[in-house]
Amino acid sequence: LRPFDVIGVTEKELGRSVVDRLVTLARLRSVLDEAGVIAPIHVFGALDPLISPLYFMAGGEIFDGLSWIRYAYYNGIAVHQDAVSVLQCHVDDDPQRRDARRHLSNLAELRRVKHRLERWALEPDRFDLLGPHHQELREVYEILVAQLARKG
């Protein structure tokens, strides 16, 4: 795999549950590292403000997906587009305005996620850098570490 610039996998290929996917991704990154393959891992279909940081912690580096178009990112999670209209009290927006507002907001949220991950990569013990759901992310990360240690 050394001649490849990027190694790509789909989110679904990694496993059935979130923890299965994280374990598989972490093992893949470990195997690639041991073989001297420095290419980043691209996880297709994994662009969610809550899940993508977990994939990053497990060794993924490039993410994409359609959730940013289909859902609204609000307070670090993806919610139905009508739900965010209620949460932000924009319930009488016409669909075009609502979609434009949502897309711009989602892109801003993705930038925030990127910056949080960049900071966390420099200080991986500082889970508080990961935003509003850092406790939950830490718990899942600890489950991942335990799974990896158990399966050696």
Protein backbone atom coordinates (compact mmCIF):
# COMPACT_ATOMS: atom_id res chain seq x y z
CA LEU A 1 0.00 0.00 0.00
CA ARG A 2 3.03 2.33 0.15
CA PRO A 3 2.51 3.75 -3.37
CA PHE A 4 -0.97 5.02 -2.47
CA ASP A 5 -1.44 8.61 -1.35
CA VAL A 6 -4.61 7.80 0.62
CA ILE A 7 -6.16 4.56 1.92
CA GLY A 8 -9.95 4.65 1.72
CA VAL A 9 -12.60 2.63 3.53
CA THR A 10 -16.32 3.14 3.90
CA GLU A 11 -17.74 3.63 7.34
CA LYS A 12 -19.93 0.55 6.94
CA GLU A 13 -16.98 -1.66 5.91
CA LEU A 14 -15.34 -1.00 9.25
CA GLY A 15 -17.99 -2.84 11.27
CA ARG A 16 -21.55 -3.03 12.49
CA SER A 17 -21.36 -1.01 15.70
CA VAL A 18 -19.56 2.22 16.46
CA VAL A 19 -17.04 0.45 18.69
CA ASP A 20 -16.44 -2.26 16.04
CA ARG A 21 -15.71 0.48 13.50
CA LEU A 22 -13.35 2.28 15.85
CA VAL A 23 -11.45 -0.91 16.72
CA THR A 24 -11.12 -1.88 13.06
CA LEU A 25 -9.93 1.60 12.12
CA ALA A 26 -7.40 1.70 14.96
CA ARG A 27 -6.06 -1.72 14.00
CA LEU A 28 -5.82 -0.70 10.34
CA ARG A 29 -3.87 2.44 11.29
CA SER A 30 -1.57 0.35 13.51
CA VAL A 31 -0.91 -2.22 10.78
CA LEU A 32 -0.22 0.53 8.25
CA ASP A 33 2.14 2.29 10.67
CA GLU A 34 4.02 -0.94 11.37
CA ALA A 35 4.40 -1.50 7.62
CA GLY A 36 5.73 2.04 7.13
CA VAL A 37 2.65 3.19 5.21
CA ILE A 38 2.17 6.86 6.05
CA ALA A 39 -0.84 7.44 3.81
CA PRO A 40 -3.82 8.91 5.66
CA ILE A 41 -6.99 6.85 6.05
CA HIS A 42 -10.07 8.31 4.40
CA VAL A 43 -13.35 7.19 5.98
CA PHE A 44 -16.07 7.58 3.38
CA GLY A 45 -19.53 8.44 4.66
CA ALA A 46 -18.34 9.67 8.05
CA LEU A 47 -18.83 13.41 8.30
CA ASP A 48 -20.74 13.85 11.52
CA PRO A 49 -19.74 16.37 14.19
CA LEU A 50 -20.04 13.78 16.96
CA ILE A 51 -18.75 10.62 15.27
CA SER A 52 -15.92 12.05 13.14
CA PRO A 53 -13.82 13.00 16.18
CA LEU A 54 -13.99 9.38 17.34
CA TYR A 55 -12.79 8.18 13.94
CA PHE A 56 -9.98 10.72 14.14
CA MET A 57 -8.98 9.42 17.58
CA ALA A 58 -8.92 5.90 16.13
CA GLY A 59 -6.61 6.87 13.27
CA GLY A 60 -8.77 8.30 10.49
CA GLU A 61 -7.67 11.58 8.99
CA ILE A 62 -9.97 12.37 6.08
CA PHE A 63 -13.75 12.30 6.31
CA ASP A 64 -16.62 12.99 3.99
CA GLY A 65 -20.33 12.42 3.84
CA LEU A 66 -23.66 13.97 3.09
CA SER A 67 -24.90 14.60 6.63
CA TRP A 68 -23.88 18.25 6.41
CA ILE A 69 -26.39 18.66 3.57
CA ARG A 70 -29.16 16.47 4.96
CA TYR A 71 -29.10 17.45 8.62
CA ALA A 72 -28.50 20.52 10.72
CA TYR A 73 -25.52 20.54 13.05
CA TYR A 74 -26.60 21.97 16.36
CA ASN A 75 -24.61 22.04 19.58
CA GLY A 76 -22.22 19.39 18.28
CA ILE A 77 -24.77 16.89 16.96
CA ALA A 78 -26.72 16.32 13.74
CA VAL A 79 -30.47 16.93 14.02
CA HIS A 80 -33.35 17.05 11.56
CA GLN A 81 -33.49 20.33 9.66
CA ASP A 82 -36.93 21.16 11.04
CA ALA A 83 -35.74 20.55 14.60
CA VAL A 84 -33.02 23.18 14.31
CA SER A 85 -35.61 25.63 12.98
CA VAL A 86 -37.53 25.09 16.21
CA LEU A 87 -34.41 25.29 18.40
CA GLN A 88 -33.36 28.56 16.76
CA CYS A 89 -36.90 29.94 16.47
CA HIS A 90 -36.74 30.27 12.67
CA VAL A 91 -39.95 28.31 12.12
CA ASP A 92 -41.38 30.65 9.49
CA ASP A 93 -38.32 30.67 7.20
CA ASP A 94 -39.01 29.63 3.63
CA PRO A 95 -37.18 26.42 2.59
CA GLN A 96 -34.48 28.18 0.55
CA ARG A 97 -33.58 30.54 3.36
CA ARG A 98 -33.69 27.69 5.90
CA ASP A 99 -31.38 25.54 3.74
CA ALA A 100 -28.94 28.39 3.13
CA ARG A 101 -28.81 29.20 6.85
CA ARG A 102 -28.33 25.50 7.69
CA HIS A 103 -25.56 24.93 5.14
CA LEU A 104 -23.58 27.96 6.28
CA SER A 105 -24.03 26.99 9.91
CA ASN A 106 -22.98 23.40 9.20
CA LEU A 107 -19.83 24.51 7.40
CA ALA A 108 -18.95 26.72 10.36
CA GLU A 109 -19.50 23.75 12.71
CA LEU A 110 -17.22 21.56 10.58
CA ARG A 111 -14.50 24.22 10.84
CA ARG A 112 -14.93 24.23 14.62
CA VAL A 113 -14.64 20.43 14.70
CA LYS A 114 -11.47 20.64 12.59
CA HIS A 115 -9.91 23.19 14.94
CA ARG A 116 -10.89 21.16 18.01
CA LEU A 117 -9.26 18.06 16.55
CA GLU A 118 -6.10 19.97 15.64
CA ARG A 119 -5.81 21.20 19.24
CA TRP A 120 -6.65 17.78 20.70
CA ALA A 121 -3.97 16.14 18.51
CA LEU A 122 -1.39 18.36 20.23
CA GLU A 123 -2.78 17.61 23.72
CA PRO A 124 -4.55 14.22 23.60
CA ASP A 125 -5.15 14.20 27.34
CA ARG A 126 -7.27 17.36 27.05
CA PHE A 127 -10.65 15.96 26.09
CA ASP A 128 -12.22 19.27 27.11
CA LEU A 129 -10.81 20.66 23.84
CA LEU A 130 -13.30 18.51 21.93
CA GLY A 131 -16.33 20.67 22.63
CA PRO A 132 -19.71 20.24 24.26
CA HIS A 133 -19.77 16.43 24.22
CA HIS A 134 -16.20 15.85 25.35
CA GLN A 135 -17.22 13.64 28.27
CA GLU A 136 -19.10 11.25 26.00
CA LEU A 137 -16.25 11.25 23.49
CA ARG A 138 -13.79 10.47 26.26
CA GLU A 139 -15.93 7.55 27.48
CA VAL A 140 -16.14 6.03 24.01
CA TYR A 141 -12.41 6.57 23.48
CA GLU A 142 -11.73 4.74 26.74
CA ILE A 143 -13.95 1.87 25.56
CA LEU A 144 -11.88 1.77 22.35
CA VAL A 145 -8.60 1.68 24.29
CA ALA A 146 -9.93 -1.13 26.50
CA GLN A 147 -11.12 -3.13 23.48
CA LEU A 148 -7.74 -2.76 21.80
CA ALA A 149 -5.90 -3.84 24.94
CA ARG A 150 -8.17 -6.85 25.41
CA LYS A 151 -7.87 -8.05 21.81
CA GLY A 152 -4.18 -7.25 21.70
